[in-house]
N, C-alpha and C. Protein backbone atom coordinates (compact mmCIF):
# COMPACT_ATOMS: atom_id res chain seq x y z
N MET A 1 117.80 57.98 179.78
CA MET A 1 117.50 59.27 180.20
C MET A 1 116.33 59.38 180.96
N PRO A 2 116.32 60.27 182.05
CA PRO A 2 115.01 60.26 182.97
C PRO A 2 113.94 60.85 182.26
N ASN A 3 112.63 60.34 182.68
CA ASN A 3 111.42 60.85 182.06
C ASN A 3 111.41 62.34 182.51
N ASN A 4 110.70 63.16 181.63
CA ASN A 4 110.37 64.52 181.88
C ASN A 4 111.55 65.38 182.43
N SER A 5 112.56 65.27 181.79
CA SER A 5 113.89 65.85 182.06
C SER A 5 114.43 66.96 181.12
N ILE A 6 113.81 67.01 179.94
CA ILE A 6 114.27 67.95 178.71
C ILE A 6 113.23 69.07 178.52
N ASP A 7 113.84 70.13 178.25
CA ASP A 7 113.03 71.31 177.95
C ASP A 7 112.57 71.42 176.35
N ALA A 8 113.52 70.93 175.63
CA ALA A 8 113.28 71.03 174.13
C ALA A 8 113.94 69.99 173.42
N VAL A 9 113.38 69.43 172.19
CA VAL A 9 114.08 68.64 171.35
C VAL A 9 114.32 69.46 169.99
N ILE A 10 115.37 69.64 169.54
CA ILE A 10 115.60 70.45 168.25
C ILE A 10 116.59 69.64 167.50
N THR A 11 116.05 68.93 166.38
CA THR A 11 116.79 68.01 165.70
C THR A 11 116.64 67.97 164.25
N ASP A 12 117.63 67.37 163.53
CA ASP A 12 117.56 67.24 162.08
C ASP A 12 117.94 65.88 161.57
N PRO A 13 117.04 64.90 161.71
CA PRO A 13 117.20 63.49 161.33
C PRO A 13 117.50 63.29 159.94
N PRO A 14 118.11 62.21 159.58
CA PRO A 14 118.16 61.78 158.06
C PRO A 14 116.76 61.87 157.50
N TYR A 15 116.66 62.57 156.34
CA TYR A 15 115.30 62.45 155.66
C TYR A 15 114.97 61.34 154.84
N CYS A 16 116.05 60.57 154.37
CA CYS A 16 115.84 59.50 153.57
C CYS A 16 115.00 59.76 152.33
N SER A 17 115.10 60.92 151.76
CA SER A 17 114.38 61.37 150.73
C SER A 17 115.12 61.44 149.41
N GLY A 18 116.30 61.08 149.39
CA GLY A 18 117.10 61.05 148.12
C GLY A 18 116.97 59.86 147.42
N GLY A 19 116.48 59.81 146.18
CA GLY A 19 116.65 58.59 145.29
C GLY A 19 115.21 57.83 145.46
N ARG A 20 114.77 57.24 144.40
CA ARG A 20 113.55 56.51 144.33
C ARG A 20 113.62 55.23 144.40
N SER A 21 114.70 54.50 143.76
CA SER A 21 115.04 53.13 143.69
C SER A 21 116.02 52.70 144.66
N ILE A 22 116.17 51.45 145.04
CA ILE A 22 117.13 51.02 146.08
C ILE A 22 118.50 51.36 145.64
N GLY A 23 118.79 51.22 144.44
CA GLY A 23 120.15 51.62 143.80
C GLY A 23 120.43 53.13 144.10
N ALA A 24 119.37 53.98 143.90
CA ALA A 24 119.65 55.36 144.18
C ALA A 24 119.80 55.67 145.64
N LYS A 25 119.04 54.95 146.51
CA LYS A 25 118.93 55.23 147.97
C LYS A 25 120.18 54.88 148.73
N ILE A 26 120.81 53.80 148.16
CA ILE A 26 122.15 53.33 148.86
C ILE A 26 123.27 54.03 148.27
N GLN A 27 123.21 54.96 147.46
CA GLN A 27 124.43 55.72 147.12
C GLN A 27 124.97 56.53 148.30
N SER A 28 126.17 56.79 148.19
CA SER A 28 126.69 57.70 149.27
C SER A 28 125.88 59.05 149.47
N THR A 29 125.81 59.47 150.69
CA THR A 29 125.15 60.76 150.79
C THR A 29 125.82 61.97 150.31
N THR A 30 127.22 61.81 149.95
CA THR A 30 127.82 62.77 149.15
C THR A 30 127.38 62.95 147.85
N ASN A 31 127.26 61.79 147.07
CA ASN A 31 126.61 61.76 145.78
C ASN A 31 125.14 62.19 145.70
N LYS A 32 124.41 61.91 146.68
CA LYS A 32 123.00 62.25 146.64
C LYS A 32 122.64 63.66 146.97
N TYR A 33 123.49 64.35 147.62
CA TYR A 33 123.21 65.68 148.27
C TYR A 33 124.18 66.75 148.07
N GLU A 34 125.42 66.52 147.54
CA GLU A 34 126.32 67.51 147.13
C GLU A 34 126.72 67.59 145.79
N ASN A 35 126.46 68.77 145.14
CA ASN A 35 126.96 69.05 143.71
C ASN A 35 128.36 69.20 143.62
N TYR A 36 129.00 69.84 144.58
CA TYR A 36 130.51 69.99 144.60
C TYR A 36 130.89 69.45 145.96
N PRO A 37 131.29 68.28 145.99
CA PRO A 37 131.87 67.60 147.31
C PRO A 37 133.02 68.41 147.96
N GLN A 38 132.75 68.45 149.27
CA GLN A 38 133.78 69.29 150.08
C GLN A 38 134.64 68.56 150.95
N GLY A 39 134.52 67.15 150.83
CA GLY A 39 135.30 66.35 151.66
C GLY A 39 134.70 65.97 153.07
N ARG A 40 133.39 66.35 153.26
CA ARG A 40 132.85 66.00 154.48
C ARG A 40 132.47 64.53 154.51
N PRO A 41 132.49 63.81 155.75
CA PRO A 41 132.14 62.51 156.06
C PRO A 41 130.79 62.24 155.57
N ASP A 42 130.59 61.02 154.89
CA ASP A 42 129.22 60.60 154.79
C ASP A 42 128.50 60.45 155.94
N PHE A 43 127.09 60.27 155.90
CA PHE A 43 126.42 59.99 157.14
C PHE A 43 125.52 58.72 157.01
N LEU A 44 125.13 58.14 158.03
CA LEU A 44 124.55 56.81 158.00
C LEU A 44 122.93 57.08 158.13
N GLY A 45 122.17 55.96 157.88
CA GLY A 45 120.79 55.93 158.03
C GLY A 45 119.93 56.60 156.98
N ASP A 46 120.28 56.88 155.82
CA ASP A 46 119.62 57.56 154.86
C ASP A 46 119.06 56.74 153.69
N ALA A 47 118.82 55.49 153.93
CA ALA A 47 118.48 54.55 152.79
C ALA A 47 117.11 53.81 152.98
N LYS A 48 116.36 54.42 153.92
CA LYS A 48 114.98 53.80 154.25
C LYS A 48 113.95 54.26 153.20
N ASP A 49 112.97 53.37 152.90
CA ASP A 49 111.89 53.83 152.18
C ASP A 49 110.90 54.49 153.01
N GLY A 50 109.73 54.96 152.58
CA GLY A 50 108.76 55.87 153.22
C GLY A 50 108.27 55.17 154.49
N ARG A 51 107.77 53.80 154.24
CA ARG A 51 107.01 53.21 155.50
C ARG A 51 108.09 52.92 156.58
N SER A 52 109.31 52.49 156.16
CA SER A 52 110.31 52.26 157.11
C SER A 52 110.79 53.47 157.91
N TRP A 53 110.89 54.71 157.10
CA TRP A 53 111.29 55.94 157.84
C TRP A 53 110.15 56.32 158.75
N LEU A 54 108.99 56.07 158.41
CA LEU A 54 107.75 56.52 159.35
C LEU A 54 107.80 55.58 160.59
N MET A 55 108.03 54.34 160.40
CA MET A 55 108.17 53.52 161.63
C MET A 55 109.34 53.81 162.54
N TRP A 56 110.53 54.07 161.95
CA TRP A 56 111.71 54.47 162.63
C TRP A 56 111.54 55.90 163.38
N CYS A 57 110.92 56.77 162.70
CA CYS A 57 110.68 57.99 163.35
C CYS A 57 109.78 57.85 164.52
N ASN A 58 108.72 57.02 164.33
CA ASN A 58 107.93 56.71 165.61
C ASN A 58 108.78 56.21 166.86
N LEU A 59 109.77 55.37 166.58
CA LEU A 59 110.45 54.87 167.70
C LEU A 59 111.28 55.91 168.50
N TRP A 60 112.01 56.81 167.69
CA TRP A 60 112.77 57.67 168.37
C TRP A 60 111.96 58.86 168.83
N ILE A 61 110.99 59.24 168.12
CA ILE A 61 110.07 60.47 168.65
C ILE A 61 109.31 59.92 169.90
N ALA A 62 109.02 58.79 170.05
CA ALA A 62 108.37 58.29 171.34
C ALA A 62 109.30 58.44 172.44
N GLU A 63 110.64 58.17 172.26
CA GLU A 63 111.60 58.28 173.32
C GLU A 63 111.85 59.77 173.68
N CYS A 64 111.76 60.64 172.59
CA CYS A 64 111.82 62.09 172.86
C CYS A 64 110.63 62.60 173.70
N PHE A 65 109.50 62.02 173.35
CA PHE A 65 108.26 62.47 174.16
C PHE A 65 108.39 62.09 175.63
N ARG A 66 109.03 60.79 175.82
CA ARG A 66 109.05 60.29 177.20
C ARG A 66 110.06 61.33 178.03
N THR A 67 111.06 61.81 177.36
CA THR A 67 112.10 62.54 178.16
C THR A 67 111.76 64.16 178.16
N LEU A 68 110.70 64.57 177.42
CA LEU A 68 110.49 65.91 177.40
C LEU A 68 109.51 66.20 178.62
N LYS A 69 109.79 67.30 179.17
CA LYS A 69 108.87 67.90 180.11
C LYS A 69 107.47 68.35 179.61
N GLU A 70 106.54 68.25 180.41
CA GLU A 70 105.13 68.78 180.07
C GLU A 70 105.33 70.25 179.44
N GLY A 71 104.69 70.40 178.30
CA GLY A 71 104.93 71.70 177.56
C GLY A 71 106.09 71.94 176.75
N GLY A 72 107.12 70.92 176.90
CA GLY A 72 108.29 70.93 176.23
C GLY A 72 108.14 71.01 174.74
N TYR A 73 109.17 71.72 174.07
CA TYR A 73 109.08 72.03 172.53
C TYR A 73 109.69 70.78 171.86
N PHE A 74 109.14 70.53 170.71
CA PHE A 74 109.74 69.62 169.77
C PHE A 74 109.79 70.04 168.42
N LEU A 75 110.98 70.42 167.85
CA LEU A 75 111.29 70.96 166.53
C LEU A 75 112.03 69.89 165.72
N MET A 76 111.68 69.65 164.54
CA MET A 76 112.08 68.56 163.62
C MET A 76 112.12 69.08 162.17
N PHE A 77 113.38 69.06 161.53
CA PHE A 77 113.65 69.44 160.31
C PHE A 77 113.10 68.33 159.25
N CYS A 78 112.54 68.75 158.16
CA CYS A 78 112.30 67.77 157.02
C CYS A 78 112.37 68.51 155.75
N ASP A 79 112.29 67.88 154.45
CA ASP A 79 112.15 68.60 153.30
C ASP A 79 110.63 68.30 152.75
N TRP A 80 110.58 68.91 151.52
CA TRP A 80 109.11 68.80 150.94
C TRP A 80 108.65 67.51 150.70
N ARG A 81 109.52 66.52 150.40
CA ARG A 81 109.17 65.17 149.94
C ARG A 81 108.79 64.37 151.27
N GLN A 82 109.20 64.70 152.48
CA GLN A 82 108.95 63.94 153.72
C GLN A 82 107.98 64.75 154.69
N LEU A 83 107.49 65.85 154.09
CA LEU A 83 106.73 66.72 154.92
C LEU A 83 105.45 65.99 155.40
N PRO A 84 104.57 65.37 154.38
CA PRO A 84 103.48 64.71 154.84
C PRO A 84 103.75 63.59 155.81
N THR A 85 104.69 62.65 155.56
CA THR A 85 105.06 61.56 156.52
C THR A 85 105.60 61.97 157.75
N ALA A 86 106.41 63.19 157.89
CA ALA A 86 106.92 63.74 159.03
C ALA A 86 105.71 64.18 160.00
N THR A 87 104.82 64.87 159.34
CA THR A 87 103.59 65.24 160.24
C THR A 87 102.90 64.17 160.93
N ASP A 88 102.73 62.98 160.15
CA ASP A 88 102.22 61.76 160.75
C ASP A 88 103.13 61.28 161.91
N ALA A 89 104.37 61.11 161.60
CA ALA A 89 105.28 60.57 162.57
C ALA A 89 105.39 61.35 163.95
N LEU A 90 105.38 62.68 163.76
CA LEU A 90 105.25 63.50 164.92
C LEU A 90 104.03 63.23 165.92
N GLN A 91 102.96 63.16 165.20
CA GLN A 91 101.77 62.86 165.91
C GLN A 91 101.55 61.45 166.58
N ILE A 92 102.16 60.44 165.77
CA ILE A 92 102.19 59.09 166.19
C ILE A 92 103.09 59.00 167.51
N GLY A 93 104.09 59.63 167.43
CA GLY A 93 104.98 59.75 168.63
C GLY A 93 104.33 60.51 169.83
N GLY A 94 103.14 60.98 169.84
CA GLY A 94 102.61 61.60 170.94
C GLY A 94 102.74 63.18 170.99
N ILE A 95 103.39 63.71 170.22
CA ILE A 95 103.67 65.16 170.07
C ILE A 95 102.31 65.97 169.61
N SER A 96 101.84 66.97 170.21
CA SER A 96 100.95 67.83 169.77
C SER A 96 101.27 68.68 168.54
N TRP A 97 101.11 68.39 167.27
CA TRP A 97 101.50 69.02 166.18
C TRP A 97 100.91 70.54 166.10
N ARG A 98 101.69 71.45 166.12
CA ARG A 98 101.07 72.91 166.18
C ARG A 98 101.52 73.77 165.01
N GLY A 99 102.36 73.38 164.09
CA GLY A 99 102.56 74.12 162.90
C GLY A 99 103.89 73.78 162.18
N VAL A 100 104.14 74.51 161.16
CA VAL A 100 105.34 74.26 160.25
C VAL A 100 105.94 75.61 160.03
N ILE A 101 107.31 75.64 160.39
CA ILE A 101 108.04 76.88 160.18
C ILE A 101 108.87 76.64 158.86
N VAL A 102 109.04 77.60 158.06
CA VAL A 102 109.58 77.59 156.83
C VAL A 102 111.06 78.12 157.01
N TRP A 103 112.03 77.41 156.46
CA TRP A 103 113.47 77.87 156.37
C TRP A 103 113.76 78.24 154.91
N ASN A 104 113.98 79.54 154.61
CA ASN A 104 114.27 79.82 153.17
C ASN A 104 115.78 79.82 153.06
N LYS A 105 116.39 79.05 152.28
CA LYS A 105 117.70 78.96 152.08
C LYS A 105 118.31 80.01 151.13
N GLY A 106 117.32 80.61 150.28
CA GLY A 106 117.88 81.54 149.42
C GLY A 106 118.03 81.00 147.98
N LEU A 107 118.38 81.84 146.99
CA LEU A 107 118.60 81.40 145.65
C LEU A 107 119.83 80.64 145.40
N GLY A 108 120.73 80.55 146.37
CA GLY A 108 121.99 79.75 146.27
C GLY A 108 121.62 78.37 146.47
N SER A 109 120.47 77.88 146.79
CA SER A 109 120.19 76.50 146.84
C SER A 109 120.28 75.78 145.58
N ARG A 110 120.27 74.43 145.60
CA ARG A 110 120.56 73.58 144.37
C ARG A 110 119.41 74.00 143.42
N ALA A 111 119.66 74.36 142.06
CA ALA A 111 118.72 74.59 141.06
C ALA A 111 118.30 73.52 140.35
N PRO A 112 116.98 73.31 140.12
CA PRO A 112 116.47 72.28 139.12
C PRO A 112 116.50 72.76 137.84
N HIS A 113 116.12 71.88 136.76
CA HIS A 113 116.13 72.44 135.42
C HIS A 113 114.90 73.48 135.11
N LYS A 114 115.11 74.19 134.17
CA LYS A 114 114.24 75.23 133.71
C LYS A 114 112.68 74.60 133.62
N GLY A 115 111.82 75.43 134.10
CA GLY A 115 110.46 75.01 134.15
C GLY A 115 110.03 74.48 135.58
N TYR A 116 110.99 74.34 136.41
CA TYR A 116 110.62 73.90 137.86
C TYR A 116 110.68 75.01 138.63
N PHE A 117 109.99 74.93 139.82
CA PHE A 117 110.14 75.89 141.01
C PHE A 117 111.42 75.49 141.80
N ARG A 118 112.08 76.38 142.27
CA ARG A 118 113.26 76.04 143.18
C ARG A 118 112.90 75.45 144.43
N HIS A 119 113.55 74.39 144.88
CA HIS A 119 113.33 73.85 146.17
C HIS A 119 114.28 74.61 147.16
N GLN A 120 113.99 75.83 147.32
CA GLN A 120 114.93 76.70 148.18
C GLN A 120 114.48 76.78 149.64
N CYS A 121 113.44 75.98 150.01
CA CYS A 121 112.97 75.98 151.41
C CYS A 121 112.87 74.57 151.90
N GLU A 122 113.33 74.43 153.19
CA GLU A 122 113.07 73.13 154.01
C GLU A 122 112.15 73.68 155.16
N PHE A 123 111.74 72.74 156.00
CA PHE A 123 110.59 72.98 156.86
C PHE A 123 110.98 72.36 158.23
N ILE A 124 110.52 72.93 159.20
CA ILE A 124 110.60 72.71 160.63
C ILE A 124 109.36 72.38 161.16
N LEU A 125 109.03 71.10 161.40
CA LEU A 125 107.73 70.79 162.24
C LEU A 125 107.81 71.11 163.67
N TRP A 126 106.93 71.78 164.28
CA TRP A 126 107.03 72.09 165.59
C TRP A 126 105.80 71.65 166.33
N GLY A 127 105.93 71.24 167.69
CA GLY A 127 104.73 70.96 168.49
C GLY A 127 105.25 70.94 169.81
N THR A 128 104.37 70.45 170.73
CA THR A 128 104.69 70.44 172.24
C THR A 128 104.26 69.05 172.80
N LYS A 129 104.82 68.83 174.05
CA LYS A 129 104.33 67.72 174.65
C LYS A 129 103.20 68.16 175.64
N GLY A 130 101.95 68.03 175.14
CA GLY A 130 100.71 68.57 175.77
C GLY A 130 100.51 69.91 175.49
N PRO A 131 100.09 70.91 176.53
CA PRO A 131 100.06 72.21 176.41
C PRO A 131 101.06 73.13 175.87
N CYS A 132 100.82 74.17 175.25
CA CYS A 132 101.88 75.05 174.75
C CYS A 132 101.96 76.34 175.84
N ASN A 133 102.86 76.34 176.72
CA ASN A 133 102.79 77.40 177.83
C ASN A 133 103.02 78.55 177.25
N ILE A 134 102.33 79.56 177.86
CA ILE A 134 102.51 81.00 177.46
C ILE A 134 103.81 81.53 177.99
N GLN A 135 104.67 82.11 177.31
CA GLN A 135 106.03 82.66 177.68
C GLN A 135 106.01 84.15 177.84
N ASN A 136 107.09 84.73 178.19
CA ASN A 136 107.33 86.14 178.30
C ASN A 136 107.68 86.68 176.78
N ASN A 137 108.32 85.88 176.00
CA ASN A 137 108.75 86.27 174.82
C ASN A 137 108.04 85.66 173.75
N GLY A 138 108.10 86.11 172.44
CA GLY A 138 107.46 85.66 171.45
C GLY A 138 106.20 86.62 171.10
N PRO A 139 105.31 86.29 170.11
CA PRO A 139 105.39 85.09 169.25
C PRO A 139 106.66 85.08 168.34
N PHE A 140 107.07 83.96 167.89
CA PHE A 140 108.27 83.80 167.06
C PHE A 140 108.05 83.79 165.67
N PRO A 141 108.99 84.05 164.66
CA PRO A 141 108.80 84.01 163.37
C PRO A 141 108.33 82.70 162.86
N GLY A 142 107.54 82.71 161.80
CA GLY A 142 107.07 81.49 161.09
C GLY A 142 107.92 81.11 159.89
N CYS A 143 108.91 82.14 159.61
CA CYS A 143 109.74 81.95 158.46
C CYS A 143 111.09 82.52 158.78
N TYR A 144 112.03 81.76 158.54
CA TYR A 144 113.58 82.21 158.73
C TYR A 144 114.21 82.23 157.40
N GLU A 145 114.95 83.27 157.14
CA GLU A 145 115.93 83.27 155.91
C GLU A 145 117.41 83.28 156.43
N GLU A 146 117.99 82.09 156.17
CA GLU A 146 119.45 82.04 156.46
C GLU A 146 120.12 81.27 155.50
N HIS A 147 121.10 81.79 154.73
CA HIS A 147 121.71 81.23 153.76
C HIS A 147 122.83 80.12 154.31
N VAL A 148 123.11 79.15 153.58
CA VAL A 148 124.08 78.31 153.82
C VAL A 148 125.47 78.78 153.29
N ARG A 149 126.30 78.76 154.24
CA ARG A 149 127.70 79.33 153.93
C ARG A 149 128.74 78.05 154.17
N GLN A 150 129.44 77.86 153.19
CA GLN A 150 130.37 76.68 153.26
C GLN A 150 131.42 76.72 154.50
N LYS A 151 131.81 77.87 154.85
CA LYS A 151 132.72 77.91 155.97
C LYS A 151 132.03 77.62 157.35
N ASP A 152 130.69 77.70 157.41
CA ASP A 152 129.77 77.37 158.47
C ASP A 152 129.12 76.02 158.38
N LYS A 153 129.42 75.24 157.20
CA LYS A 153 128.76 74.01 157.03
C LYS A 153 129.73 72.80 157.27
N HIS A 154 129.64 71.99 158.38
CA HIS A 154 130.45 71.11 158.77
C HIS A 154 130.07 69.62 158.57
N HIS A 155 128.77 69.61 158.10
CA HIS A 155 128.05 68.19 157.79
C HIS A 155 127.49 68.46 156.49
N ILE A 156 127.36 67.28 155.73
CA ILE A 156 126.67 67.26 154.40
C ILE A 156 125.28 67.89 154.45
N ALA A 157 124.56 67.63 155.48
CA ALA A 157 123.21 68.21 155.55
C ALA A 157 123.12 69.27 156.63
N GLY A 158 124.45 69.98 156.89
CA GLY A 158 124.51 70.83 158.01
C GLY A 158 123.44 72.12 157.84
N LYS A 159 123.03 72.60 158.95
CA LYS A 159 122.14 73.85 158.91
C LYS A 159 122.97 74.97 159.51
N PRO A 160 122.59 76.21 159.14
CA PRO A 160 123.42 77.38 159.53
C PRO A 160 123.36 77.57 161.06
N THR A 161 124.51 77.89 161.61
CA THR A 161 124.51 78.09 163.09
C THR A 161 123.56 79.26 163.51
N ALA A 162 123.44 80.25 162.74
CA ALA A 162 122.59 81.44 162.95
C ALA A 162 121.28 80.86 163.13
N LEU A 163 120.76 80.14 162.15
CA LEU A 163 119.40 79.51 162.32
C LEU A 163 119.15 78.76 163.54
N MET A 164 120.13 77.89 163.88
CA MET A 164 119.75 77.02 165.02
C MET A 164 119.83 77.99 166.35
N GLU A 165 120.61 79.02 166.34
CA GLU A 165 120.54 79.98 167.55
C GLU A 165 119.28 80.69 167.60
N GLU A 166 118.61 81.02 166.50
CA GLU A 166 117.22 81.61 166.50
C GLU A 166 116.29 80.55 167.12
N LEU A 167 116.37 79.39 166.76
CA LEU A 167 115.44 78.39 167.29
C LEU A 167 115.74 77.98 168.75
N CYS A 168 116.87 78.17 169.20
CA CYS A 168 117.17 77.96 170.59
C CYS A 168 116.71 78.94 171.43
N LYS A 169 116.55 80.23 170.92
CA LYS A 169 115.98 81.34 171.69
C LYS A 169 114.53 81.21 172.11
N VAL A 170 113.83 80.27 171.58
CA VAL A 170 112.54 79.99 171.99
C VAL A 170 112.42 79.32 173.38
N ILE A 171 113.61 78.68 173.56
CA ILE A 171 113.65 77.91 174.91
C ILE A 171 114.02 78.87 176.06
N PRO A 172 113.34 78.71 177.15
CA PRO A 172 113.71 79.48 178.34
C PRO A 172 115.16 79.40 178.74
N TYR A 173 115.87 80.43 179.13
CA TYR A 173 117.32 80.55 179.44
C TYR A 173 117.68 79.30 180.39
N ASP A 174 118.79 78.79 179.93
CA ASP A 174 119.52 77.56 180.73
C ASP A 174 118.67 76.42 180.74
N GLY A 175 117.55 76.22 179.80
CA GLY A 175 116.99 75.03 179.62
C GLY A 175 117.82 74.04 178.98
N ILE A 176 117.38 72.69 179.04
CA ILE A 176 118.17 71.68 178.52
C ILE A 176 117.70 71.30 177.03
N ILE A 177 118.41 71.29 175.95
CA ILE A 177 118.02 71.10 174.67
C ILE A 177 118.64 69.72 174.24
N LEU A 178 117.77 68.89 173.67
CA LEU A 178 118.38 67.54 173.18
C LEU A 178 118.27 67.49 171.76
N ASP A 179 119.53 67.02 171.19
CA ASP A 179 119.56 66.74 169.68
C ASP A 179 119.90 65.30 169.55
N PRO A 180 119.13 64.38 169.33
CA PRO A 180 119.33 62.87 169.20
C PRO A 180 120.05 62.57 167.84
N PHE A 181 120.30 63.58 166.86
CA PHE A 181 121.03 63.44 165.64
C PHE A 181 121.88 64.54 165.64
N ALA A 182 122.94 64.56 166.45
CA ALA A 182 123.69 65.87 166.60
C ALA A 182 124.56 66.17 165.40
N GLY A 183 124.94 65.12 164.68
CA GLY A 183 125.79 65.43 163.45
C GLY A 183 127.15 66.24 163.77
N SER A 184 127.29 67.36 163.21
CA SER A 184 128.46 68.14 163.41
C SER A 184 128.29 69.01 164.67
N GLY A 185 127.19 68.81 165.46
CA GLY A 185 127.15 69.52 166.64
C GLY A 185 126.57 71.01 166.70
N THR A 186 125.81 71.40 165.52
CA THR A 186 125.31 72.70 165.41
C THR A 186 124.36 73.07 166.32
N THR A 187 123.46 72.22 166.74
CA THR A 187 122.40 72.40 167.76
C THR A 187 123.13 72.67 169.10
N CYS A 188 124.18 71.82 169.42
CA CYS A 188 124.88 71.95 170.68
C CYS A 188 125.56 73.34 170.75
N VAL A 189 126.22 73.67 169.57
CA VAL A 189 126.91 74.99 169.63
C VAL A 189 125.90 76.14 169.79
N ALA A 190 124.79 76.10 168.95
CA ALA A 190 123.88 77.06 169.19
C ALA A 190 123.32 77.22 170.61
N ALA A 191 123.03 76.20 171.35
CA ALA A 191 122.56 75.98 172.55
C ALA A 191 123.58 76.70 173.54
N LEU A 192 124.83 76.36 173.45
CA LEU A 192 125.86 76.95 174.27
C LEU A 192 125.93 78.42 174.12
N LYS A 193 125.84 78.82 172.75
CA LYS A 193 125.98 80.22 172.52
C LYS A 193 124.81 81.09 172.96
N THR A 194 123.59 80.50 173.14
CA THR A 194 122.51 81.14 173.59
C THR A 194 122.23 81.00 175.15
N GLY A 195 123.13 80.33 175.82
CA GLY A 195 122.83 80.28 177.26
C GLY A 195 122.21 79.05 177.76
N HIS A 196 122.09 77.98 177.06
CA HIS A 196 121.42 76.74 177.30
C HIS A 196 122.29 75.50 177.67
N GLN A 197 121.79 74.64 178.34
CA GLN A 197 122.49 73.20 178.42
C GLN A 197 122.06 72.48 177.20
N TYR A 198 122.83 71.34 176.90
CA TYR A 198 122.51 70.63 175.60
C TYR A 198 123.00 69.17 176.01
N ILE A 199 122.27 68.33 175.28
CA ILE A 199 122.69 66.90 175.13
C ILE A 199 122.69 66.59 173.70
N GLY A 200 123.78 66.08 173.03
CA GLY A 200 123.88 65.84 171.71
C GLY A 200 124.16 64.29 171.74
N ILE A 201 123.55 63.50 170.78
CA ILE A 201 123.75 62.14 170.57
C ILE A 201 124.15 61.97 169.02
N GLU A 202 125.33 61.27 168.93
CA GLU A 202 125.72 61.09 167.46
C GLU A 202 126.48 59.81 167.39
N LYS A 203 126.05 58.82 166.40
CA LYS A 203 126.68 57.61 166.36
C LYS A 203 128.02 57.60 165.55
N MET A 204 128.31 58.60 164.57
CA MET A 204 129.45 58.48 163.84
C MET A 204 130.66 59.21 164.59
N PRO A 205 131.76 58.47 164.86
CA PRO A 205 132.85 59.09 165.54
C PRO A 205 133.47 60.34 164.72
N GLU A 206 133.42 60.28 163.52
CA GLU A 206 134.04 61.39 162.66
C GLU A 206 133.24 62.79 162.99
N TYR A 207 132.05 62.66 163.08
CA TYR A 207 131.24 63.81 163.41
C TYR A 207 131.27 64.17 164.86
N CYS A 208 131.39 63.16 165.77
CA CYS A 208 131.53 63.46 167.20
C CYS A 208 132.85 64.24 167.38
N GLU A 209 133.97 63.86 166.64
CA GLU A 209 135.11 64.65 166.81
C GLU A 209 134.97 66.12 166.35
N ILE A 210 134.27 66.23 165.09
CA ILE A 210 134.09 67.63 164.69
C ILE A 210 133.26 68.44 165.71
N SER A 211 132.26 67.78 166.14
CA SER A 211 131.42 68.46 167.26
C SER A 211 132.32 68.92 168.46
N ASN A 212 133.09 68.03 168.90
CA ASN A 212 133.94 68.39 170.14
C ASN A 212 134.94 69.45 169.79
N GLN A 213 135.41 69.47 168.53
CA GLN A 213 136.41 70.57 168.27
C GLN A 213 135.71 71.96 168.25
N ARG A 214 134.40 71.87 167.63
CA ARG A 214 133.61 73.22 167.50
C ARG A 214 133.32 73.72 169.00
N LEU A 215 132.84 72.78 169.85
CA LEU A 215 132.44 73.27 171.36
C LEU A 215 133.68 73.60 172.02
N ARG A 216 134.79 73.03 171.86
CA ARG A 216 135.92 73.55 172.59
C ARG A 216 136.46 74.81 172.11
N GLN A 217 136.31 75.13 170.89
CA GLN A 217 136.66 76.49 170.34
C GLN A 217 135.75 77.59 171.08
N ILE A 218 134.51 77.25 171.33
CA ILE A 218 133.49 78.11 171.97
C ILE A 218 134.01 78.32 173.46
N THR A 219 134.08 77.26 174.05
CA THR A 219 134.34 77.31 175.63
C THR A 219 135.65 77.78 175.90
N GLU A 220 136.70 77.75 174.97
CA GLU A 220 138.03 78.23 175.25
C GLU A 220 137.96 79.88 174.91
């Protein structure tokens, strides 16, 4: 991909935060992340330990940095367990870290045992390549509340389409949005619905087909 050609990266990489031992980490992602399996395909790349995950993030974030235009946005999902490491990875990759956006999933998220606080929020680290350019719209919310609905969830770790649409609205109209971990294509769907161009990269054929089906339904 050419240097300085992308307006924004909006992506949801594997968190690799499920399980502490190697035996727990190499379980299927269905077993790690779904209380009630829905038959969605498992996804790859979720068995790294913390140091390996940091190094791996450095590699792909550096490539995203290369392809981003000056002032381009970088938005990356993570959970509470990987939040400290993810902030390091973003900066090591060259991105100017500018804040953390909260995604409140609501009380329908997985409940821990009594005495615990619910892990009902995930996080979106955001930054830019160099300066953050002043826009005609914004400022944008620092917290979004979007519930996960099974009919809109096409991936084990899928995010709500409505949430991704709100994030895409930050990007100037017709800009190019890159998702290097496209999964079931929700970022691409949201980009298309909000009037943007998109590039989605996904290594699993099962999820590529799901993405193509979703995009075809919109274009038709």
